[in-house]
Amino acid sequence: MGYREIIEEDNLDAIMERNVLYLDQIAGQMKQGDISVFAGAGLSVASGYVDWKKLLEPISKQLRLNANIDLTVNVKSCALAN
Protein backbone atom coordinates (compact mmCIF):
# COMPACT_ATOMS: atom_id res chain seq x y z
CA MET A 1 0.00 0.00 0.00
CA GLY A 2 1.45 3.37 -1.03
CA TYR A 3 1.75 6.56 1.00
CA ARG A 4 -1.09 8.27 -0.81
CA GLU A 5 -3.37 5.29 -0.24
CA ILE A 6 -2.68 5.36 3.51
CA ILE A 7 -3.62 9.03 3.87
CA GLU A 8 -7.19 9.88 2.98
CA GLU A 9 -7.61 12.32 0.10
CA ASP A 10 -9.20 15.01 2.32
CA ASN A 11 -6.43 14.71 4.90
CA LEU A 12 -3.77 14.98 2.19
CA ASP A 13 -5.37 18.18 0.87
CA ALA A 14 -5.42 19.67 4.38
CA ILE A 15 -1.76 18.78 4.89
CA MET A 16 -0.81 20.38 1.57
CA GLU A 17 -2.77 23.56 2.37
CA ARG A 18 -1.09 23.81 5.78
CA ASN A 19 2.35 23.36 4.19
CA VAL A 20 1.61 26.15 1.70
CA LEU A 21 0.64 28.43 4.61
CA TYR A 22 3.91 27.55 6.42
CA LEU A 23 5.92 28.33 3.30
CA ASP A 24 4.11 31.66 2.93
CA GLN A 25 4.95 32.51 6.56
CA ILE A 26 8.60 31.55 6.07
CA ALA A 27 8.80 33.65 2.89
CA GLY A 28 7.37 36.65 4.76
CA GLN A 29 9.89 36.21 7.58
CA MET A 30 12.72 35.98 5.05
CA LYS A 31 11.61 39.24 3.41
CA GLN A 32 11.65 40.95 6.83
CA GLY A 33 15.06 39.52 7.68
CA ASP A 34 13.64 37.62 10.65
CA ILE A 35 14.89 34.16 9.74
CA SER A 36 18.25 32.45 9.71
CA VAL A 37 19.31 29.18 8.14
CA PHE A 38 21.59 26.83 10.04
CA ALA A 39 23.06 24.20 7.78
CA GLY A 40 25.43 21.39 8.64
CA ALA A 41 28.90 20.81 7.27
CA GLY A 42 27.63 18.51 4.55
CA LEU A 43 25.79 21.36 2.89
CA SER A 44 28.59 23.87 3.24
CA VAL A 45 31.29 21.47 1.99
CA ALA A 46 29.16 20.68 -1.06
CA SER A 47 29.01 24.44 -1.69
CA GLY A 48 32.78 24.74 -1.73
CA TYR A 49 33.49 25.76 1.88
CA VAL A 50 36.06 23.97 4.01
CA ASP A 51 35.09 21.35 6.57
CA TRP A 52 35.99 21.57 10.29
CA LYS A 53 39.18 19.59 9.85
CA LYS A 54 40.48 21.90 7.13
CA LEU A 55 39.36 24.97 9.06
CA LEU A 56 41.24 23.92 12.19
CA GLU A 57 44.34 22.68 10.35
CA PRO A 58 46.44 25.85 10.90
CA ILE A 59 45.62 25.84 14.62
CA SER A 60 46.45 22.16 15.02
CA LYS A 61 49.78 22.68 13.23
CA GLN A 62 50.64 25.60 15.48
CA LEU A 63 49.78 23.55 18.58
CA ARG A 64 51.57 20.51 17.11
CA LEU A 65 48.45 18.38 17.34
CA ASN A 66 47.67 15.45 15.08
CA ALA A 67 44.56 16.53 13.18
CA ASN A 68 44.08 13.02 11.75
CA ILE A 69 43.02 11.46 15.07
CA ASP A 70 39.37 10.40 15.11
CA LEU A 71 38.18 11.77 18.44
CA THR A 72 34.69 10.38 17.98
CA VAL A 73 36.00 6.88 18.79
CA ASN A 74 37.16 8.07 22.20
CA VAL A 75 33.90 9.92 22.83
CA LYS A 76 31.88 6.78 22.00
CA SER A 77 34.09 4.68 24.28
CA CYS A 78 33.62 7.14 27.17
CA ALA A 79 29.86 7.20 26.63
CA LEU A 80 29.68 3.39 26.67
CA ALA A 81 31.82 3.19 29.81
CA ASN A 82 29.46 5.49 31.71
PDB file of N, CA and C in Angstrom:
ATOM      1  N   MET A   1       0.848  -1.182   0.000  1.00  0.00           N
ATOM      2  CA  MET A   1       0.000   0.000   0.000  1.00  0.00           C
ATOM      3  C   MET A   1       0.891   1.242   0.000  1.00  0.00           C
ATOM      4  N   GLY A   2       0.641   2.171  -0.897  1.00  0.00           N
ATOM      5  CA  GLY A   2       1.448   3.375  -1.025  1.00  0.00           C
ATOM      6  C   GLY A   2       1.078   4.449  -0.017  1.00  0.00           C
ATOM      7  N   TYR A   3       1.936   5.448   0.063  1.00  0.00           N
ATOM      8  CA  TYR A   3       1.754   6.557   1.005  1.00  0.00           C
ATOM      9  C   TYR A   3       0.441   7.282   0.766  1.00  0.00           C
ATOM     10  N   ARG A   4       0.151   7.546  -0.496  1.00  0.00           N
ATOM     11  CA  ARG A   4      -1.090   8.269  -0.813  1.00  0.00           C
ATOM     12  C   ARG A   4      -2.322   7.452  -0.448  1.00  0.00           C
ATOM     13  N   GLU A   5      -2.228   6.142  -0.575  1.00  0.00           N
ATOM     14  CA  GLU A   5      -3.371   5.290  -0.244  1.00  0.00           C
ATOM     15  C   GLU A   5      -3.617   5.262   1.261  1.00  0.00           C
ATOM     16  N   ILE A   6      -2.544   5.394   2.056  1.00  0.00           N
ATOM     17  CA  ILE A   6      -2.676   5.360   3.510  1.00  0.00           C
ATOM     18  C   ILE A   6      -3.376   6.614   4.019  1.00  0.00           C
ATOM     19  N   ILE A   7      -3.015   7.754   3.453  1.00  0.00           N
ATOM     20  CA  ILE A   7      -3.621   9.028   3.867  1.00  0.00           C
ATOM     21  C   ILE A   7      -4.871   9.275   3.036  1.00  0.00           C
ATOM     22  N   GLU A   8      -5.946   9.581   3.701  1.00  0.00           N
ATOM     23  CA  GLU A   8      -7.187   9.880   2.984  1.00  0.00           C
ATOM     24  C   GLU A   8      -7.008  11.136   2.141  1.00  0.00           C
ATOM     25  N   GLU A   9      -7.726  11.200   1.043  1.00  0.00           N
ATOM     26  CA  GLU A   9      -7.607  12.318   0.103  1.00  0.00           C
ATOM     27  C   GLU A   9      -7.865  13.669   0.784  1.00  0.00           C
ATOM     28  N   ASP A  10      -8.896  13.756   1.629  1.00  0.00           N
ATOM     29  CA  ASP A  10      -9.204  15.006   2.324  1.00  0.00           C
ATOM     30  C   ASP A  10      -8.076  15.414   3.258  1.00  0.00           C
ATOM     31  N   ASN A  11      -7.514  14.446   3.964  1.00  0.00           N
ATOM     32  CA  ASN A  11      -6.430  14.715   4.896  1.00  0.00           C
ATOM     33  C   ASN A  11      -5.184  15.184   4.141  1.00  0.00           C
ATOM     34  N   LEU A  12      -4.921  14.586   3.001  1.00  0.00           N
ATOM     35  CA  LEU A  12      -3.771  14.981   2.189  1.00  0.00           C
ATOM     36  C   LEU A  12      -3.917  16.425   1.713  1.00  0.00           C
ATOM     37  N   ASP A  13      -5.127  16.793   1.294  1.00  0.00           N
ATOM     38  CA  ASP A  13      -5.370  18.178   0.868  1.00  0.00           C
ATOM     39  C   ASP A  13      -5.144  19.157   2.015  1.00  0.00           C
ATOM     40  N   ALA A  14      -5.601  18.798   3.218  1.00  0.00           N
ATOM     41  CA  ALA A  14      -5.416  19.666   4.385  1.00  0.00           C
ATOM     42  C   ALA A  14      -3.931  19.826   4.714  1.00  0.00           C
ATOM     43  N   ILE A  15      -3.197  18.734   4.621  1.00  0.00           N
ATOM     44  CA  ILE A  15      -1.757  18.782   4.893  1.00  0.00           C
ATOM     45  C   ILE A  15      -1.066  19.689   3.878  1.00  0.00           C
ATOM     46  N   MET A  16      -1.429  19.558   2.618  1.00  0.00           N
ATOM     47  CA  MET A  16      -0.812  20.384   1.573  1.00  0.00           C
ATOM     48  C   MET A  16      -1.141  21.858   1.765  1.00  0.00           C
ATOM     49  N   GLU A  17      -2.391  22.161   2.119  1.00  0.00           N
ATOM     50  CA  GLU A  17      -2.774  23.557   2.368  1.00  0.00           C
ATOM     51  C   GLU A  17      -1.996  24.143   3.538  1.00  0.00           C
ATOM     52  N   ARG A  18      -1.836  23.355   4.602  1.00  0.00           N
ATOM     53  CA  ARG A  18      -1.091  23.809   5.775  1.00  0.00           C
ATOM     54  C   ARG A  18       0.375  24.052   5.411  1.00  0.00           C
ATOM     55  N   ASN A  19       0.950  23.176   4.606  1.00  0.00           N
ATOM     56  CA  ASN A  19       2.346  23.358   4.190  1.00  0.00           C
ATOM     57  C   ASN A  19       2.524  24.620   3.350  1.00  0.00           C
ATOM     58  N   VAL A  20       1.553  24.923   2.500  1.00  0.00           N
ATOM     59  CA  VAL A  20       1.610  26.145   1.701  1.00  0.00           C
ATOM     60  C   VAL A  20       1.570  27.370   2.619  1.00  0.00           C
ATOM     61  N   LEU A  21       0.712  27.323   3.649  1.00  0.00           N
ATOM     62  CA  LEU A  21       0.642  28.427   4.610  1.00  0.00           C
ATOM     63  C   LEU A  21       1.973  28.600   5.342  1.00  0.00           C
ATOM     64  N   TYR A  22       2.605  27.479   5.746  1.00  0.00           N
ATOM     65  CA  TYR A  22       3.907  27.546   6.417  1.00  0.00           C
ATOM     66  C   TYR A  22       4.955  28.169   5.502  1.00  0.00           C
ATOM     67  N   LEU A  23       4.949  27.768   4.252  1.00  0.00           N
ATOM     68  CA  LEU A  23       5.921  28.327   3.301  1.00  0.00           C
ATOM     69  C   LEU A  23       5.687  29.816   3.088  1.00  0.00           C
ATOM     70  N   ASP A  24       4.424  30.236   3.046  1.00  0.00           N
ATOM     71  CA  ASP A  24       4.114  31.664   2.934  1.00  0.00           C
ATOM     72  C   ASP A  24       4.635  32.436   4.145  1.00  0.00           C
ATOM     73  N   GLN A  25       4.458  31.859   5.341  1.00  0.00           N
ATOM     74  CA  GLN A  25       4.952  32.505   6.562  1.00  0.00           C
ATOM     75  C   GLN A  25       6.481  32.611   6.541  1.00  0.00           C
ATOM     76  N   ILE A  26       7.130  31.550   6.129  1.00  0.00           N
ATOM     77  CA  ILE A  26       8.598  31.554   6.069  1.00  0.00           C
ATOM     78  C   ILE A  26       9.076  32.591   5.057  1.00  0.00           C
ATOM     79  N   ALA A  27       8.419  32.666   3.905  1.00  0.00           N
ATOM     80  CA  ALA A  27       8.795  33.648   2.889  1.00  0.00           C
ATOM     81  C   ALA A  27       8.647  35.068   3.426  1.00  0.00           C
ATOM     82  N   GLY A  28       7.580  35.326   4.159  1.00  0.00           N
ATOM     83  CA  GLY A  28       7.370  36.647   4.758  1.00  0.00           C
ATOM     84  C   GLY A  28       8.448  36.977   5.770  1.00  0.00           C
ATOM     85  N   GLN A  29       8.829  35.990   6.590  1.00  0.00           N
ATOM     86  CA  GLN A  29       9.887  36.210   7.578  1.00  0.00           C
ATOM     87  C   GLN A  29      11.235  36.463   6.893  1.00  0.00           C
ATOM     88  N   MET A  30      11.476  35.768   5.786  1.00  0.00           N
ATOM     89  CA  MET A  30      12.724  35.983   5.049  1.00  0.00           C
ATOM     90  C   MET A  30      12.782  37.410   4.495  1.00  0.00           C
ATOM     91  N   LYS A  31      11.666  37.887   3.969  1.00  0.00           N
ATOM     92  CA  LYS A  31      11.614  39.242   3.411  1.00  0.00           C
ATOM     93  C   LYS A  31      11.875  40.298   4.478  1.00  0.00           C
ATOM     94  N   GLN A  32      11.459  40.013   5.719  1.00  0.00           N
ATOM     95  CA  GLN A  32      11.648  40.955   6.826  1.00  0.00           C
ATOM     96  C   GLN A  32      13.024  40.797   7.478  1.00  0.00           C
ATOM     97  N   GLY A  33      13.754  39.772   7.086  1.00  0.00           N
ATOM     98  CA  GLY A  33      15.064  39.520   7.680  1.00  0.00           C
ATOM     99  C   GLY A  33      14.974  38.896   9.064  1.00  0.00           C
ATOM    100  N   ASP A  34      13.868  38.209   9.328  1.00  0.00           N
ATOM    101  CA  ASP A  34      13.637  37.621  10.648  1.00  0.00           C
ATOM    102  C   ASP A  34      13.936  36.133  10.717  1.00  0.00           C
ATOM    103  N   ILE A  35      14.648  35.609   9.758  1.00  0.00           N
ATOM    104  CA  ILE A  35      14.889  34.160   9.739  1.00  0.00           C
ATOM    105  C   ILE A  35      16.349  33.885   9.386  1.00  0.00           C
ATOM    106  N   SER A  36      16.881  32.861   9.990  1.00  0.00           N
ATOM    107  CA  SER A  36      18.251  32.447   9.714  1.00  0.00           C
ATOM    108  C   SER A  36      18.258  30.970   9.369  1.00  0.00           C
ATOM    109  N   VAL A  37      19.182  30.575   8.526  1.00  0.00           N
ATOM    110  CA  VAL A  37      19.309  29.177   8.142  1.00  0.00           C
ATOM    111  C   VAL A  37      20.577  28.618   8.768  1.00  0.00           C
ATOM    112  N   PHE A  38      20.443  27.523   9.478  1.00  0.00           N
ATOM    113  CA  PHE A  38      21.588  26.826  10.043  1.00  0.00           C
ATOM    114  C   PHE A  38      21.732  25.521   9.273  1.00  0.00           C
ATOM    115  N   ALA A  39      22.834  25.395   8.581  1.00  0.00           N
ATOM    116  CA  ALA A  39      23.064  24.201   7.775  1.00  0.00           C
ATOM    117  C   ALA A  39      24.313  23.488   8.266  1.00  0.00           C
ATOM    118  N   GLY A  40      24.292  22.180   8.188  1.00  0.00           N
ATOM    119  CA  GLY A  40      25.431  21.386   8.636  1.00  0.00           C
ATOM    120  C   GLY A  40      26.588  21.420   7.666  1.00  0.00           C
ATOM    121  N   ALA A  41      27.673  20.801   8.067  1.00  0.00           N
ATOM    122  CA  ALA A  41      28.899  20.812   7.272  1.00  0.00           C
ATOM    123  C   ALA A  41      28.705  20.166   5.909  1.00  0.00           C
ATOM    124  N   GLY A  42      27.847  19.179   5.830  1.00  0.00           N
ATOM    125  CA  GLY A  42      27.626  18.511   4.547  1.00  0.00           C
ATOM    126  C   GLY A  42      27.154  19.469   3.472  1.00  0.00           C
ATOM    127  N   LEU A  43      26.296  20.376   3.840  1.00  0.00           N
ATOM    128  CA  LEU A  43      25.786  21.356   2.888  1.00  0.00           C
ATOM    129  C   LEU A  43      26.852  22.379   2.521  1.00  0.00           C
ATOM    130  N   SER A  44      27.581  22.850   3.506  1.00  0.00           N
ATOM    131  CA  SER A  44      28.588  23.873   3.237  1.00  0.00           C
ATOM    132  C   SER A  44      29.767  23.312   2.444  1.00  0.00           C
ATOM    133  N   VAL A  45      30.188  22.087   2.733  1.00  0.00           N
ATOM    134  CA  VAL A  45      31.293  21.472   1.994  1.00  0.00           C
ATOM    135  C   VAL A  45      30.890  21.288   0.532  1.00  0.00           C
ATOM    136  N   ALA A  46      29.649  20.858   0.311  1.00  0.00           N
ATOM    137  CA  ALA A  46      29.161  20.682  -1.057  1.00  0.00           C
ATOM    138  C   ALA A  46      29.107  22.008  -1.813  1.00  0.00           C
ATOM    139  N   SER A  47      29.036  23.118  -1.075  1.00  0.00           N
ATOM    140  CA  SER A  47      29.006  24.441  -1.692  1.00  0.00           C
ATOM    141  C   SER A  47      30.393  25.034  -1.894  1.00  0.00           C
ATOM    142  N   GLY A  48      31.425  24.279  -1.498  1.00  0.00           N
ATOM    143  CA  GLY A  48      32.781  24.738  -1.733  1.00  0.00           C
ATOM    144  C   GLY A  48      33.503  25.282  -0.512  1.00  0.00           C
ATOM    145  N   TYR A  49      32.835  25.290   0.653  1.00  0.00           N
ATOM    146  CA  TYR A  49      33.486  25.762   1.878  1.00  0.00           C
ATOM    147  C   TYR A  49      34.303  24.632   2.497  1.00  0.00           C
ATOM    148  N   VAL A  50      35.224  24.979   3.361  1.00  0.00           N
ATOM    149  CA  VAL A  50      36.055  23.971   4.005  1.00  0.00           C
ATOM    150  C   VAL A  50      35.290  23.288   5.130  1.00  0.00           C
ATOM    151  N   ASP A  51      35.692  22.051   5.440  1.00  0.00           N
ATOM    152  CA  ASP A  51      35.092  21.352   6.567  1.00  0.00           C
ATOM    153  C   ASP A  51      35.842  21.733   7.843  1.00  0.00           C
ATOM    154  N   TRP A  52      35.382  21.218   9.005  1.00  0.00           N
ATOM    155  CA  TRP A  52      35.993  21.574  10.292  1.00  0.00           C
ATOM    156  C   TRP A  52      37.468  21.206  10.338  1.00  0.00           C
ATOM    157  N   LYS A  53      37.795  20.045   9.810  1.00  0.00           N
ATOM    158  CA  LYS A  53      39.178  19.586   9.848  1.00  0.00           C
ATOM    159  C   LYS A  53      40.096  20.560   9.110  1.00  0.00           C
ATOM    160  N   LYS A  54      39.680  20.967   7.931  1.00  0.00           N
ATOM    161  CA  LYS A  54      40.477  21.899   7.128  1.00  0.00           C
ATOM    162  C   LYS A  54      40.520  23.282   7.789  1.00  0.00           C
ATOM    163  N   LEU A  55      39.428  23.677   8.395  1.00  0.00           N
ATOM    164  CA  LEU A  55      39.361  24.972   9.059  1.00  0.00           C
ATOM    165  C   LEU A  55      40.318  25.048  10.249  1.00  0.00           C
ATOM    166  N   LEU A  56      40.411  23.942  10.996  1.00  0.00           N
ATOM    167  CA  LEU A  56      41.239  23.919  12.193  1.00  0.00           C
ATOM    168  C   LEU A  56      42.679  23.477  11.929  1.00  0.00           C
ATOM    169  N   GLU A  57      42.994  23.157  10.696  1.00  0.00           N
ATOM    170  CA  GLU A  57      44.339  22.678  10.349  1.00  0.00           C
ATOM    171  C   GLU A  57      45.452  23.637  10.771  1.00  0.00           C
ATOM    172  N   PRO A  58      45.361  24.931  10.483  1.00  0.00           N
ATOM    173  CA  PRO A  58      46.442  25.848  10.902  1.00  0.00           C
ATOM    174  C   PRO A  58      46.633  25.880  12.426  1.00  0.00           C
ATOM    175  N   ILE A  59      45.525  25.819  13.157  1.00  0.00           N
ATOM    176  CA  ILE A  59      45.615  25.839  14.619  1.00  0.00           C
ATOM    177  C   ILE A  59      46.269  24.564  15.125  1.00  0.00           C
ATOM    178  N   SER A  60      45.872  23.420  14.564  1.00  0.00           N
ATOM    179  CA  SER A  60      46.453  22.161  15.021  1.00  0.00           C
ATOM    180  C   SER A  60      47.939  22.092  14.699  1.00  0.00           C
ATOM    181  N   LYS A  61      48.347  22.656  13.561  1.00  0.00           N
ATOM    182  CA  LYS A  61      49.782  22.682  13.226  1.00  0.00           C
ATOM    183  C   LYS A  61      50.542  23.548  14.227  1.00  0.00           C
ATOM    184  N   GLN A  62      49.981  24.691  14.544  1.00  0.00           N
ATOM    185  CA  GLN A  62      50.637  25.601  15.483  1.00  0.00           C
ATOM    186  C   GLN A  62      50.768  24.965  16.869  1.00  0.00           C
ATOM    187  N   LEU A  63      49.758  24.202  17.272  1.00  0.00           N
ATOM    188  CA  LEU A  63      49.785  23.545  18.577  1.00  0.00           C
ATOM    189  C   LEU A  63      50.465  22.167  18.535  1.00  0.00           C
ATOM    190  N   ARG A  64      50.909  21.807  17.341  1.00  0.00           N
ATOM    191  CA  ARG A  64      51.569  20.509  17.112  1.00  0.00           C
ATOM    192  C   ARG A  64      50.670  19.341  17.504  1.00  0.00           C
ATOM    193  N   LEU A  65      49.423  19.436  17.099  1.00  0.00           N
ATOM    194  CA  LEU A  65      48.452  18.377  17.342  1.00  0.00           C
ATOM    195  C   LEU A  65      48.252  17.566  16.070  1.00  0.00           C
ATOM    196  N   ASN A  66      47.948  16.305  16.231  1.00  0.00           N
ATOM    197  CA  ASN A  66      47.671  15.449  15.082  1.00  0.00           C
ATOM    198  C   ASN A  66      46.194  15.609  14.714  1.00  0.00           C
ATOM    199  N   ALA A  67      45.936  16.258  13.606  1.00  0.00           N
ATOM    200  CA  ALA A  67      44.564  16.526  13.184  1.00  0.00           C
ATOM    201  C   ALA A  67      43.892  15.299  12.593  1.00  0.00           C
ATOM    202  N   ASN A  68      44.642  14.224  12.375  1.00  0.00           N
ATOM    203  CA  ASN A  68      44.084  13.022  11.753  1.00  0.00           C
ATOM    204  C   ASN A  68      43.518  12.032  12.761  1.00  0.00           C
ATOM    205  N   ILE A  69      43.560  12.348  14.051  1.00  0.00           N
ATOM    206  CA  ILE A  69      43.023  11.455  15.072  1.00  0.00           C
ATOM    207  C   ILE A  69      41.498  11.570  15.072  1.00  0.00           C
ATOM    208  N   ASP A  70      40.834  10.420  15.065  1.00  0.00           N
ATOM    209  CA  ASP A  70      39.371  10.399  15.114  1.00  0.00           C
ATOM    210  C   ASP A  70      38.940  10.433  16.569  1.00  0.00           C
ATOM    211  N   LEU A  71      38.564  11.605  17.041  1.00  0.00           N
ATOM    212  CA  LEU A  71      38.178  11.769  18.444  1.00  0.00           C
ATOM    213  C   LEU A  71      36.812  11.173  18.757  1.00  0.00           C
ATOM    214  N   THR A  72      36.017  10.930  17.735  1.00  0.00           N
ATOM    215  CA  THR A  72      34.687  10.377  17.985  1.00  0.00           C
ATOM    216  C   THR A  72      34.768   8.972  18.560  1.00  0.00           C
ATOM    217  N   VAL A  73      35.827   8.224  18.237  1.00  0.00           N
ATOM    218  CA  VAL A  73      35.998   6.880  18.786  1.00  0.00           C
ATOM    219  C   VAL A  73      36.154   6.963  20.295  1.00  0.00           C
ATOM    220  N   ASN A  74      36.967   7.899  20.760  1.00  0.00           N
ATOM    221  CA  ASN A  74      37.164   8.069  22.200  1.00  0.00           C
ATOM    222  C   ASN A  74      35.892   8.542  22.893  1.00  0.00           C
ATOM    223  N   VAL A  75      35.150   9.410  22.251  1.00  0.00           N
ATOM    224  CA  VAL A  75      33.903   9.916  22.828  1.00  0.00           C
ATOM    225  C   VAL A  75      32.912   8.766  22.972  1.00  0.00           C
ATOM    226  N   LYS A  76      32.801   7.914  21.942  1.00  0.00           N
ATOM    227  CA  LYS A  76      31.885   6.780  22.001  1.00  0.00           C
ATOM    228  C   LYS A  76      32.311   5.817  23.115  1.00  0.00           C
ATOM    229  N   SER A  77      33.605   5.579  23.257  1.00  0.00           N
ATOM    230  CA  SER A  77      34.094   4.679  24.281  1.00  0.00           C
ATOM    231  C   SER A  77      33.764   5.220  25.675  1.00  0.00           C
ATOM    232  N   CYS A  78      33.934   6.517  25.869  1.00  0.00           N
ATOM    233  CA  CYS A  78      33.617   7.141  27.169  1.00  0.00           C
ATOM    234  C   CYS A  78      32.136   7.037  27.453  1.00  0.00           C
ATOM    235  N   ALA A  79      31.320   7.251  26.440  1.00  0.00           N
ATOM    236  CA  ALA A  79      29.863   7.197  26.634  1.00  0.00           C
ATOM    237  C   ALA A  79      29.425   5.785  26.989  1.00  0.00           C
ATOM    238  N   LEU A  80      30.030   4.778  26.370  1.00  0.00           N
ATOM    239  CA  LEU A  80      29.677   3.394  26.672  1.00  0.00           C
ATOM    240  C   LEU A  80      30.142   2.982  28.056  1.00  0.00           C
ATOM    241  N   ALA A  81      31.271   3.535  28.499  1.00  0.00           N
ATOM    242  CA  ALA A  81      31.819   3.190  29.807  1.00  0.00           C
ATOM    243  C   ALA A  81      30.955   3.744  30.940  1.00  0.00           C
ATOM    244  N   ASN A  82      30.289   4.868  30.672  1.00  0.00           N
ATOM    245  CA  ASN A  82      29.459   5.489  31.713  1.00  0.00           C
ATOM    246  C   ASN A  82      28.082   4.938  31.591  1.00  0.00           C
TER     247      ASN A  82
END
